[in-house]
Amino acid sequence: MQTTYPRHQLNLRWTKIVVIVLICLGLGGNASGQGFFGLTNFSGTDDKFTSYGFFLGVHTATYQLKYSPKFLDPTNTANNAIHSIFPKYTPGFSLGFIGILRFHDQVNLIFTPKIGFYEYKVDVNYFDGATATTPGNATGNTQTSLGYRTEELVNESTQVELPLVFKYRSMRFNNTRMYFIGGGSYLFNTKSQEEINLDPIVTASKDFTLEAGMGFEIYFKYFKFAPEIRFSHGLNNIYLADKNAPEIRDAISSLRRKGITILLNFQ
């Protein structure tokens, strides 16, 4: 049985904290929209059929890993040296442009092409053959267990992403309004597949992801600022088993991308 590490629990709690903070900021902005941001901005940009902008983003990304049945097969000697494999969340950043198509005051279609810089880190724990002895119970028995060493594998990736999402906005209150987004994205690696085949863990160069998130718009005199949190989850199994080293090839059944992004949109 694998050990549950505190850092993995903190990753889950961090996500919840970010969502709560955004909700509180949004509610606070709605409650004091006119007083905090001054007089109501009656800019006509929301009435245009098309509009544009740009954004900056910071993200944390990882792989969602599923073990292969062969990993638990004691007769499969190829990966008997592996104790466990743990993907880790790793930070990065992105930037891109915003294209908005207005269907209704509360419903927009958003196209946000961007370039993102990613690192995918995976800890592979190997049995090292060393033994550790711990004191036993009152009868004097002792317990002996194998130690293990950890090797970190890092895949660096620069990706072009083409998200297309629908945006549903609340009614505007003074200079603020909240919104939700949902849709999908196509992405591809800027490296060729031949270059990717040299990575520690070989994956496919293309993928499709689901996108969902929320944020709030703040109206200023000359522009609109919209902080947003967005979640993405890969649809395809990007793990190319036959391209990977024998010691991990049969340990992994599938890898899927997932990430959390904080976007700062300017329109």
C-alpha atoms as a PDB file:
ATOM      1  CA  MET A   1       0.000   0.000   0.000  1.00  0.00           C
ATOM      2  CA  GLN A   2       1.324   3.464  -0.912  1.00  0.00           C
ATOM      3  CA  THR A   3       2.016   6.120   1.729  1.00  0.00           C
ATOM      4  CA  THR A   4      -0.099   9.268   1.728  1.00  0.00           C
ATOM      5  CA  TYR A   5       2.212  12.270   1.721  1.00  0.00           C
ATOM      6  CA  PRO A   6       1.131  15.575   3.361  1.00  0.00           C
ATOM      7  CA  ARG A   7       2.215  17.589   0.338  1.00  0.00           C
ATOM      8  CA  HIS A   8      -0.400  15.879  -1.829  1.00  0.00           C
ATOM      9  CA  GLN A   9      -3.116  16.738   0.686  1.00  0.00           C
ATOM     10  CA  LEU A  10      -1.942  20.366   0.715  1.00  0.00           C
ATOM     11  CA  ASN A  11      -2.299  20.534  -3.085  1.00  0.00           C
ATOM     12  CA  LEU A  12      -6.003  19.679  -2.753  1.00  0.00           C
ATOM     13  CA  ARG A  13      -6.539  22.183   0.070  1.00  0.00           C
ATOM     14  CA  TRP A  14      -4.724  24.909  -1.878  1.00  0.00           C
ATOM     15  CA  THR A  15      -7.293  24.572  -4.667  1.00  0.00           C
ATOM     16  CA  LYS A  16     -10.191  24.991  -2.248  1.00  0.00           C
ATOM     17  CA  ILE A  17      -8.555  28.024  -0.624  1.00  0.00           C
ATOM     18  CA  VAL A  18      -8.116  29.788  -3.983  1.00  0.00           C
ATOM     19  CA  VAL A  19     -11.783  29.206  -4.892  1.00  0.00           C
ATOM     20  CA  ILE A  20     -12.978  30.553  -1.531  1.00  0.00           C
ATOM     21  CA  VAL A  21     -10.765  33.651  -1.821  1.00  0.00           C
ATOM     22  CA  LEU A  22     -12.087  34.427  -5.313  1.00  0.00           C
ATOM     23  CA  ILE A  23     -15.695  34.066  -4.162  1.00  0.00           C
ATOM     24  CA  CYS A  24     -15.076  36.357  -1.194  1.00  0.00           C
ATOM     25  CA  LEU A  25     -13.380  38.955  -3.389  1.00  0.00           C
ATOM     26  CA  GLY A  26     -16.246  38.805  -5.858  1.00  0.00           C
ATOM     27  CA  LEU A  27     -18.876  39.233  -3.171  1.00  0.00           C
ATOM     28  CA  GLY A  28     -16.877  42.040  -1.594  1.00  0.00           C
ATOM     29  CA  GLY A  29     -16.550  43.768  -4.955  1.00  0.00           C
ATOM     30  CA  ASN A  30     -20.319  43.524  -5.564  1.00  0.00           C
ATOM     31  CA  ALA A  31     -21.095  44.882  -2.112  1.00  0.00           C
ATOM     32  CA  SER A  32     -18.936  47.974  -2.520  1.00  0.00           C
ATOM     33  CA  GLY A  33     -18.623  48.257  -6.290  1.00  0.00           C
ATOM     34  CA  GLN A  34     -19.615  51.888  -6.602  1.00  0.00           C
ATOM     35  CA  GLY A  35     -17.844  53.125  -3.487  1.00  0.00           C
ATOM     36  CA  PHE A  36     -14.585  51.272  -4.028  1.00  0.00           C
ATOM     37  CA  PHE A  37     -14.153  51.859  -7.752  1.00  0.00           C
ATOM     38  CA  GLY A  38     -15.679  55.316  -7.913  1.00  0.00           C
ATOM     39  CA  LEU A  39     -18.561  56.352 -10.145  1.00  0.00           C
ATOM     40  CA  THR A  40     -20.196  53.687 -12.275  1.00  0.00           C
ATOM     41  CA  ASN A  41     -18.390  53.205 -15.583  1.00  0.00           C
ATOM     42  CA  PHE A  42     -20.847  53.347 -18.490  1.00  0.00           C
ATOM     43  CA  SER A  43     -18.329  52.281 -21.132  1.00  0.00           C
ATOM     44  CA  GLY A  44     -20.003  50.826 -24.213  1.00  0.00           C
ATOM     45  CA  THR A  45     -17.536  47.957 -24.779  1.00  0.00           C
ATOM     46  CA  ASP A  46     -20.067  45.405 -23.493  1.00  0.00           C
ATOM     47  CA  ASP A  47     -22.438  46.384 -26.329  1.00  0.00           C
ATOM     48  CA  LYS A  48     -19.993  45.602 -29.140  1.00  0.00           C
ATOM     49  CA  PHE A  49     -20.476  42.406 -31.158  1.00  0.00           C
ATOM     50  CA  THR A  50     -16.727  41.724 -31.078  1.00  0.00           C
ATOM     51  CA  SER A  51     -14.053  42.929 -28.677  1.00  0.00           C
ATOM     52  CA  TYR A  52     -10.471  42.052 -27.794  1.00  0.00           C
ATOM     53  CA  GLY A  53      -7.955  41.940 -24.985  1.00  0.00           C
ATOM     54  CA  PHE A  54      -4.973  40.118 -23.584  1.00  0.00           C
ATOM     55  CA  PHE A  55      -4.136  38.129 -20.461  1.00  0.00           C
ATOM     56  CA  LEU A  56      -1.301  36.909 -18.266  1.00  0.00           C
ATOM     57  CA  GLY A  57      -1.532  33.644 -16.371  1.00  0.00           C
ATOM     58  CA  VAL A  58       0.246  31.599 -13.737  1.00  0.00           C
ATOM     59  CA  HIS A  59      -0.515  27.932 -13.380  1.00  0.00           C
ATOM     60  CA  THR A  60       0.341  24.735 -11.597  1.00  0.00           C
ATOM     61  CA  ALA A  61       0.173  21.539 -13.637  1.00  0.00           C
ATOM     62  CA  THR A  62       0.690  17.824 -13.183  1.00  0.00           C
ATOM     63  CA  TYR A  63      -0.103  14.417 -14.640  1.00  0.00           C
ATOM     64  CA  GLN A  64      -3.000  12.275 -13.521  1.00  0.00           C
ATOM     65  CA  LEU A  65      -1.412   8.834 -13.370  1.00  0.00           C
ATOM     66  CA  LYS A  66      -3.029   5.421 -13.473  1.00  0.00           C
ATOM     67  CA  TYR A  67      -0.938   2.351 -12.685  1.00  0.00           C
ATOM     68  CA  SER A  68      -0.843  -0.598 -15.048  1.00  0.00           C
ATOM     69  CA  PRO A  69      -2.099  -4.026 -13.831  1.00  0.00           C
ATOM     70  CA  LYS A  70       1.385  -5.312 -14.676  1.00  0.00           C
ATOM     71  CA  PHE A  71       2.787  -3.072 -11.925  1.00  0.00           C
ATOM     72  CA  LEU A  72       1.190  -5.318  -9.287  1.00  0.00           C
ATOM     73  CA  ASP A  73       2.171  -8.547 -11.023  1.00  0.00           C
ATOM     74  CA  PRO A  74       5.067 -10.102  -9.015  1.00  0.00           C
ATOM     75  CA  THR A  75       6.107 -12.182 -12.024  1.00  0.00           C
ATOM     76  CA  ASN A  76       6.803  -9.053 -14.069  1.00  0.00           C
ATOM     77  CA  THR A  77      10.453  -8.505 -13.178  1.00  0.00           C
ATOM     78  CA  ALA A  78      10.884  -5.474 -15.460  1.00  0.00           C
ATOM     79  CA  ASN A  79       9.513  -3.013 -12.878  1.00  0.00           C
ATOM     80  CA  ASN A  80       9.939  -4.932  -9.601  1.00  0.00           C
ATOM     81  CA  ALA A  81      12.503  -2.308  -8.560  1.00  0.00           C
ATOM     82  CA  ILE A  82       9.828   0.449  -8.434  1.00  0.00           C
ATOM     83  CA  HIS A  83       8.111   1.174  -5.139  1.00  0.00           C
ATOM     84  CA  SER A  84       5.760   3.944  -6.327  1.00  0.00           C
ATOM     85  CA  ILE A  85       5.358   6.832  -8.768  1.00  0.00           C
ATOM     86  CA  PHE A  86       4.048  10.246  -7.712  1.00  0.00           C
ATOM     87  CA  PRO A  87       3.357  13.139 -10.150  1.00  0.00           C
ATOM     88  CA  LYS A  88       3.851  16.580  -8.566  1.00  0.00           C
ATOM     89  CA  TYR A  89       2.216  19.940  -9.157  1.00  0.00           C
ATOM     90  CA  THR A  90       4.740  22.332 -10.698  1.00  0.00           C
ATOM     91  CA  PRO A  91       4.319  26.089 -11.395  1.00  0.00           C
ATOM     92  CA  GLY A  92       4.593  27.820 -14.757  1.00  0.00           C
ATOM     93  CA  PHE A  93       3.187  30.787 -16.656  1.00  0.00           C
ATOM     94  CA  SER A  94       1.369  31.669 -19.876  1.00  0.00           C
ATOM     95  CA  LEU A  95       0.268  34.655 -21.933  1.00  0.00           C
ATOM     96  CA  GLY A  96      -2.135  35.191 -24.796  1.00  0.00           C
ATOM     97  CA  PHE A  97      -4.913  37.164 -26.449  1.00  0.00           C
ATOM     98  CA  ILE A  98      -8.667  37.342 -25.971  1.00  0.00           C
ATOM     99  CA  GLY A  99     -11.270  37.416 -28.730  1.00  0.00           C
ATOM    100  CA  ILE A 100     -14.894  37.917 -27.625  1.00  0.00           C
ATOM    101  CA  LEU A 101     -18.053  37.271 -29.652  1.00  0.00           C
ATOM    102  CA  ARG A 102     -21.168  38.716 -27.991  1.00  0.00           C
ATOM    103  CA  PHE A 103     -24.398  36.728 -28.345  1.00  0.00           C
ATOM    104  CA  HIS A 104     -26.176  38.389 -25.453  1.00  0.00           C
ATOM    105  CA  ASP A 105     -25.246  40.730 -22.625  1.00  0.00           C
ATOM    106  CA  GLN A 106     -24.799  37.669 -20.383  1.00  0.00           C
ATOM    107  CA  VAL A 107     -23.604  35.079 -22.920  1.00  0.00           C
ATOM    108  CA  ASN A 108     -20.301  35.368 -24.836  1.00  0.00           C
ATOM    109  CA  LEU A 109     -18.108  33.027 -26.861  1.00  0.00           C
ATOM    110  CA  ILE A 110     -14.439  33.483 -25.899  1.00  0.00           C
ATOM    111  CA  PHE A 111     -11.371  32.433 -27.896  1.00  0.00           C
ATOM    112  CA  THR A 112      -8.100  32.719 -25.917  1.00  0.00           C
ATOM    113  CA  PRO A 113      -5.083  31.462 -27.895  1.00  0.00           C
ATOM    114  CA  LYS A 114      -2.011  31.327 -25.686  1.00  0.00           C
ATOM    115  CA  ILE A 115       1.479  29.968 -25.249  1.00  0.00           C
ATOM    116  CA  GLY A 116       2.251  28.211 -21.970  1.00  0.00           C
ATOM    117  CA  PHE A 117       5.510  27.179 -20.352  1.00  0.00           C
ATOM    118  CA  TYR A 118       5.239  23.960 -18.351  1.00  0.00           C
ATOM    119  CA  GLU A 119       7.280  21.565 -16.270  1.00  0.00           C
ATOM    120  CA  TYR A 120       5.861  18.158 -15.446  1.00  0.00           C
ATOM    121  CA  LYS A 121       7.691  16.534 -12.516  1.00  0.00           C
ATOM    122  CA  VAL A 122       7.327  12.921 -11.412  1.00  0.00           C
ATOM    123  CA  ASP A 123       8.955  11.268  -8.394  1.00  0.00           C
ATOM    124  CA  VAL A 124       9.837   7.613  -9.049  1.00  0.00           C
ATOM    125  CA  ASN A 125      10.632   5.732  -5.827  1.00  0.00           C
ATOM    126  CA  TYR A 126      12.939   2.731  -6.298  1.00  0.00           C
ATOM    127  CA  PHE A 127      13.758  -0.014  -3.821  1.00  0.00           C
ATOM    128  CA  ASP A 128      17.471   0.352  -3.107  1.00  0.00           C
ATOM    129  CA  GLY A 129      18.024  -2.977  -1.411  1.00  0.00           C
ATOM    130  CA  ALA A 130      18.887  -1.432   1.955  1.00  0.00           C
ATOM    131  CA  THR A 131      16.995  -2.540   5.061  1.00  0.00           C
ATOM    132  CA  ALA A 132      15.721  -0.551   8.014  1.00  0.00           C
ATOM    133  CA  THR A 133      15.038  -2.194  11.398  1.00  0.00           C
ATOM    134  CA  THR A 134      12.520  -0.724  13.852  1.00  0.00           C
ATOM    135  CA  PRO A 135      11.777  -1.768  17.451  1.00  0.00           C
ATOM    136  CA  GLY A 136       8.932  -4.226  17.864  1.00  0.00           C
ATOM    137  CA  ASN A 137       6.415  -4.821  20.611  1.00  0.00           C
ATOM    138  CA  ALA A 138       6.941  -5.810  24.240  1.00  0.00           C
ATOM    139  CA  THR A 139       7.924  -9.351  23.270  1.00  0.00           C
ATOM    140  CA  GLY A 140      11.097  -8.011  21.666  1.00  0.00           C
ATOM    141  CA  ASN A 141      10.158  -8.696  18.036  1.00  0.00           C
ATOM    142  CA  THR A 142      11.546  -6.333  15.422  1.00  0.00           C
ATOM    143  CA  GLN A 143      10.305  -5.353  11.963  1.00  0.00           C
ATOM    144  CA  THR A 144      12.547  -5.104   8.927  1.00  0.00           C
ATOM    145  CA  SER A 145      11.597  -3.164   5.769  1.00  0.00           C
ATOM    146  CA  LEU A 146      13.306  -2.239   2.540  1.00  0.00           C
ATOM    147  CA  GLY A 147      14.416   1.363   2.046  1.00  0.00           C
ATOM    148  CA  TYR A 148      14.009   3.215  -1.226  1.00  0.00           C
ATOM    149  CA  ARG A 149      15.531   6.080  -3.155  1.00  0.00           C
ATOM    150  CA  THR A 150      13.707   8.748  -5.122  1.00  0.00           C
ATOM    151  CA  GLU A 151      14.501   9.894  -8.647  1.00  0.00           C
ATOM    152  CA  GLU A 152      12.820  13.004 -10.034  1.00  0.00           C
ATOM    153  CA  LEU A 153      11.918  12.965 -13.729  1.00  0.00           C
ATOM    154  CA  VAL A 154      11.222  16.336 -15.379  1.00  0.00           C
ATOM    155  CA  ASN A 155       9.511  16.980 -18.713  1.00  0.00           C
ATOM    156  CA  GLU A 156       9.861  20.582 -19.901  1.00  0.00           C
ATOM    157  CA  SER A 157       7.221  21.673 -22.368  1.00  0.00           C
ATOM    158  CA  THR A 158       6.246  24.797 -24.306  1.00  0.00           C
ATOM    159  CA  GLN A 159       2.673  24.426 -25.547  1.00  0.00           C
ATOM    160  CA  VAL A 160       0.411  26.347 -27.893  1.00  0.00           C
ATOM    161  CA  GLU A 161      -3.158  26.178 -26.589  1.00  0.00           C
ATOM    162  CA  LEU A 162      -6.369  27.146 -28.380  1.00  0.00           C
ATOM    163  CA  PRO A 163      -9.217  27.274 -25.812  1.00  0.00           C
ATOM    164  CA  LEU A 164     -12.765  28.005 -26.982  1.00  0.00           C
ATOM    165  CA  VAL A 165     -15.198  28.560 -24.110  1.00  0.00           C
ATOM    166  CA  PHE A 166     -18.657  29.923 -23.398  1.00  0.00           C
ATOM    167  CA  LYS A 167     -18.933  32.642 -20.788  1.00  0.00           C
ATOM    168  CA  TYR A 168     -22.069  33.256 -18.736  1.00  0.00           C
ATOM    169  CA  ARG A 169     -22.104  36.529 -16.785  1.00  0.00           C
ATOM    170  CA  SER A 170     -24.344  37.765 -14.005  1.00  0.00           C
ATOM    171  CA  MET A 171     -26.240  41.019 -14.301  1.00  0.00           C
ATOM    172  CA  ARG A 172     -23.933  43.972 -13.835  1.00  0.00           C
ATOM    173  CA  PHE A 173     -24.000  45.641 -10.411  1.00  0.00           C
ATOM    174  CA  ASN A 174     -22.300  49.042 -10.447  1.00  0.00           C
ATOM    175  CA  ASN A 175     -18.761  48.304 -11.691  1.00  0.00           C
ATOM    176  CA  THR A 176     -18.611  44.533 -11.146  1.00  0.00           C
ATOM    177  CA  ARG A 177     -20.146  41.274 -12.273  1.00  0.00           C
ATOM    178  CA  MET A 178     -19.273  37.607 -11.776  1.00  0.00           C
ATOM    179  CA  TYR A 179     -19.073  34.969 -14.495  1.00  0.00           C
ATOM    180  CA  PHE A 180     -18.574  31.278 -15.215  1.00  0.00           C
ATOM    181  CA  ILE A 181     -16.844  29.702 -18.211  1.00  0.00           C
ATOM    182  CA  GLY A 182     -16.855  26.234 -19.732  1.00  0.00           C
ATOM    183  CA  GLY A 183     -15.560  24.676 -22.941  1.00  0.00           C
ATOM    184  CA  GLY A 184     -12.590  22.861 -24.414  1.00  0.00           C
ATOM    185  CA  SER A 185      -9.094  23.384 -25.747  1.00  0.00           C
ATOM    186  CA  TYR A 186      -6.774  21.876 -28.336  1.00  0.00           C
ATOM    187  CA  LEU A 187      -3.059  22.030 -27.547  1.00  0.00           C
ATOM    188  CA  PHE A 188       0.176  20.915 -29.122  1.00  0.00           C
ATOM    189  CA  ASN A 189       3.813  20.886 -28.081  1.00  0.00           C
ATOM    190  CA  THR A 190       6.220  23.173 -29.920  1.00  0.00           C
ATOM    191  CA  LYS A 191       8.781  20.328 -29.950  1.00  0.00           C
ATOM    192  CA  SER A 192       8.570  17.597 -32.565  1.00  0.00           C
ATOM    193  CA  GLN A 193       7.660  14.065 -31.519  1.00  0.00           C
ATOM    194  CA  GLU A 194      11.259  13.013 -32.189  1.00  0.00           C
ATOM    195  CA  GLU A 195      12.465  15.556 -29.612  1.00  0.00           C
ATOM    196  CA  ILE A 196       9.767  14.528 -27.137  1.00  0.00           C
ATOM    197  CA  ASN A 197      10.940  10.910 -27.450  1.00  0.00           C
ATOM    198  CA  LEU A 198      14.127  12.002 -25.636  1.00  0.00           C
ATOM    199  CA  ASP A 199      12.195  13.149 -22.526  1.00  0.00           C
ATOM    200  CA  PRO A 200      12.448  11.066 -19.324  1.00  0.00           C
ATOM    201  CA  ILE A 201       8.760  10.171 -19.729  1.00  0.00           C
ATOM    202  CA  VAL A 202       7.626  10.103 -23.337  1.00  0.00           C
ATOM    203  CA  THR A 203       4.161  11.522 -24.064  1.00  0.00           C
ATOM    204  CA  ALA A 204       2.131  12.491 -27.120  1.00  0.00           C
ATOM    205  CA  SER A 205       2.654  15.962 -28.560  1.00  0.00           C
ATOM    206  CA  LYS A 206      -1.070  16.789 -28.954  1.00  0.00           C
ATOM    207  CA  ASP A 207      -4.033  16.732 -26.604  1.00  0.00           C
ATOM    208  CA  PHE A 208      -7.584  17.928 -25.975  1.00  0.00           C
ATOM    209  CA  THR A 209      -8.688  19.293 -22.599  1.00  0.00           C
ATOM    210  CA  LEU A 210     -11.900  20.307 -20.864  1.00  0.00           C
ATOM    211  CA  GLU A 211     -11.899  23.842 -19.429  1.00  0.00           C
ATOM    212  CA  ALA A 212     -14.052  25.235 -16.611  1.00  0.00           C
ATOM    213  CA  GLY A 213     -13.702  28.184 -14.286  1.00  0.00           C
ATOM    214  CA  MET A 214     -15.059  31.328 -12.723  1.00  0.00           C
ATOM    215  CA  GLY A 215     -14.062  34.945 -12.181  1.00  0.00           C
ATOM    216  CA  PHE A 216     -15.366  38.486 -11.862  1.00  0.00           C
ATOM    217  CA  GLU A 217     -15.165  41.589 -14.011  1.00  0.00           C
ATOM    218  CA  ILE A 218     -14.146  44.971 -12.620  1.00  0.00           C
ATOM    219  CA  TYR A 219     -14.894  48.054 -14.732  1.00  0.00           C
ATOM    220  CA  PHE A 220     -12.407  50.916 -14.752  1.00  0.00           C
ATOM    221  CA  LYS A 221     -12.531  54.159 -16.718  1.00  0.00           C
ATOM    222  CA  TYR A 222     -10.569  52.992 -19.756  1.00  0.00           C
ATOM    223  CA  PHE A 223     -10.491  49.189 -19.482  1.00  0.00           C
ATOM    224  CA  LYS A 224     -12.021  46.157 -17.808  1.00  0.00           C
ATOM    225  CA  PHE A 225     -10.009  43.879 -15.495  1.00  0.00           C
ATOM    226  CA  ALA A 226     -11.108  40.277 -14.902  1.00  0.00           C
ATOM    227  CA  PRO A 227      -9.239  37.931 -12.532  1.00  0.00           C
ATOM    228  CA  GLU A 228     -10.196  34.315 -13.160  1.00  0.00           C
ATOM    229  CA  ILE A 229      -9.446  30.805 -11.937  1.00  0.00           C
ATOM    230  CA  ARG A 230      -9.614  28.054 -14.551  1.00  0.00           C
ATOM    231  CA  PHE A 231      -9.352  24.269 -14.257  1.00  0.00           C
ATOM    232  CA  SER A 232      -8.324  21.997 -17.135  1.00  0.00           C
ATOM    233  CA  HIS A 233      -8.342  18.232 -17.503  1.00  0.00           C
ATOM    234  CA  GLY A 234      -6.900  16.244 -20.391  1.00  0.00           C
ATOM    235  CA  LEU A 235      -9.184  13.897 -22.321  1.00  0.00           C
ATOM    236  CA  ASN A 236      -6.547  11.740 -24.006  1.00  0.00           C
ATOM    237  CA  ASN A 237      -4.138   9.165 -22.609  1.00  0.00           C
ATOM    238  CA  ILE A 238      -0.868  10.794 -23.671  1.00  0.00           C
ATOM    239  CA  TYR A 239       1.433   8.057 -22.326  1.00  0.00           C
ATOM    240  CA  LEU A 240       3.414   6.316 -25.084  1.00  0.00           C
ATOM    241  CA  ALA A 241       4.424   3.090 -23.340  1.00  0.00           C
ATOM    242  CA  ASP A 242       6.493   1.624 -26.172  1.00  0.00           C
ATOM    243  CA  LYS A 243       8.706   4.753 -26.248  1.00  0.00           C
ATOM    244  CA  ASN A 244       9.589   4.653 -22.540  1.00  0.00           C
ATOM    245  CA  ALA A 245      12.392   2.918 -20.640  1.00  0.00           C
ATOM    246  CA  PRO A 246      11.687  -0.734 -19.684  1.00  0.00           C
ATOM    247  CA  GLU A 247      11.773  -0.059 -15.930  1.00  0.00           C
ATOM    248  CA  ILE A 248       8.740   2.263 -16.077  1.00  0.00           C
ATOM    249  CA  ARG A 249       7.110   1.171 -19.339  1.00  0.00           C
ATOM    250  CA  ASP A 250       4.791  -1.415 -17.761  1.00  0.00           C
ATOM    251  CA  ALA A 251       4.288   0.441 -14.473  1.00  0.00           C
ATOM    252  CA  ILE A 252       2.034   3.136 -15.995  1.00  0.00           C
ATOM    253  CA  SER A 253      -1.248   2.540 -17.765  1.00  0.00           C
ATOM    254  CA  SER A 254      -2.207   6.143 -18.580  1.00  0.00           C
ATOM    255  CA  LEU A 255      -1.203   9.769 -18.103  1.00  0.00           C
ATOM    256  CA  ARG A 256      -3.549  12.723 -18.478  1.00  0.00           C
ATOM    257  CA  ARG A 257      -2.751  16.395 -18.077  1.00  0.00           C
ATOM    258  CA  LYS A 258      -4.503  18.512 -15.476  1.00  0.00           C
ATOM    259  CA  GLY A 259      -3.864  22.010 -14.219  1.00  0.00           C
ATOM    260  CA  ILE A 260      -5.103  25.070 -12.352  1.00  0.00           C
ATOM    261  CA  THR A 261      -4.544  28.540 -13.815  1.00  0.00           C
ATOM    262  CA  ILE A 262      -4.989  32.037 -12.387  1.00  0.00           C
ATOM    263  CA  LEU A 263      -5.651  34.442 -15.272  1.00  0.00           C
ATOM    264  CA  LEU A 264      -5.442  38.242 -15.216  1.00  0.00           C
ATOM    265  CA  ASN A 265      -7.572  39.421 -18.150  1.00  0.00           C
ATOM    266  CA  PHE A 266      -7.441  42.955 -19.536  1.00  0.00           C
ATOM    267  CA  GLN A 267     -10.111  44.041 -22.036  1.00  0.00           C
END
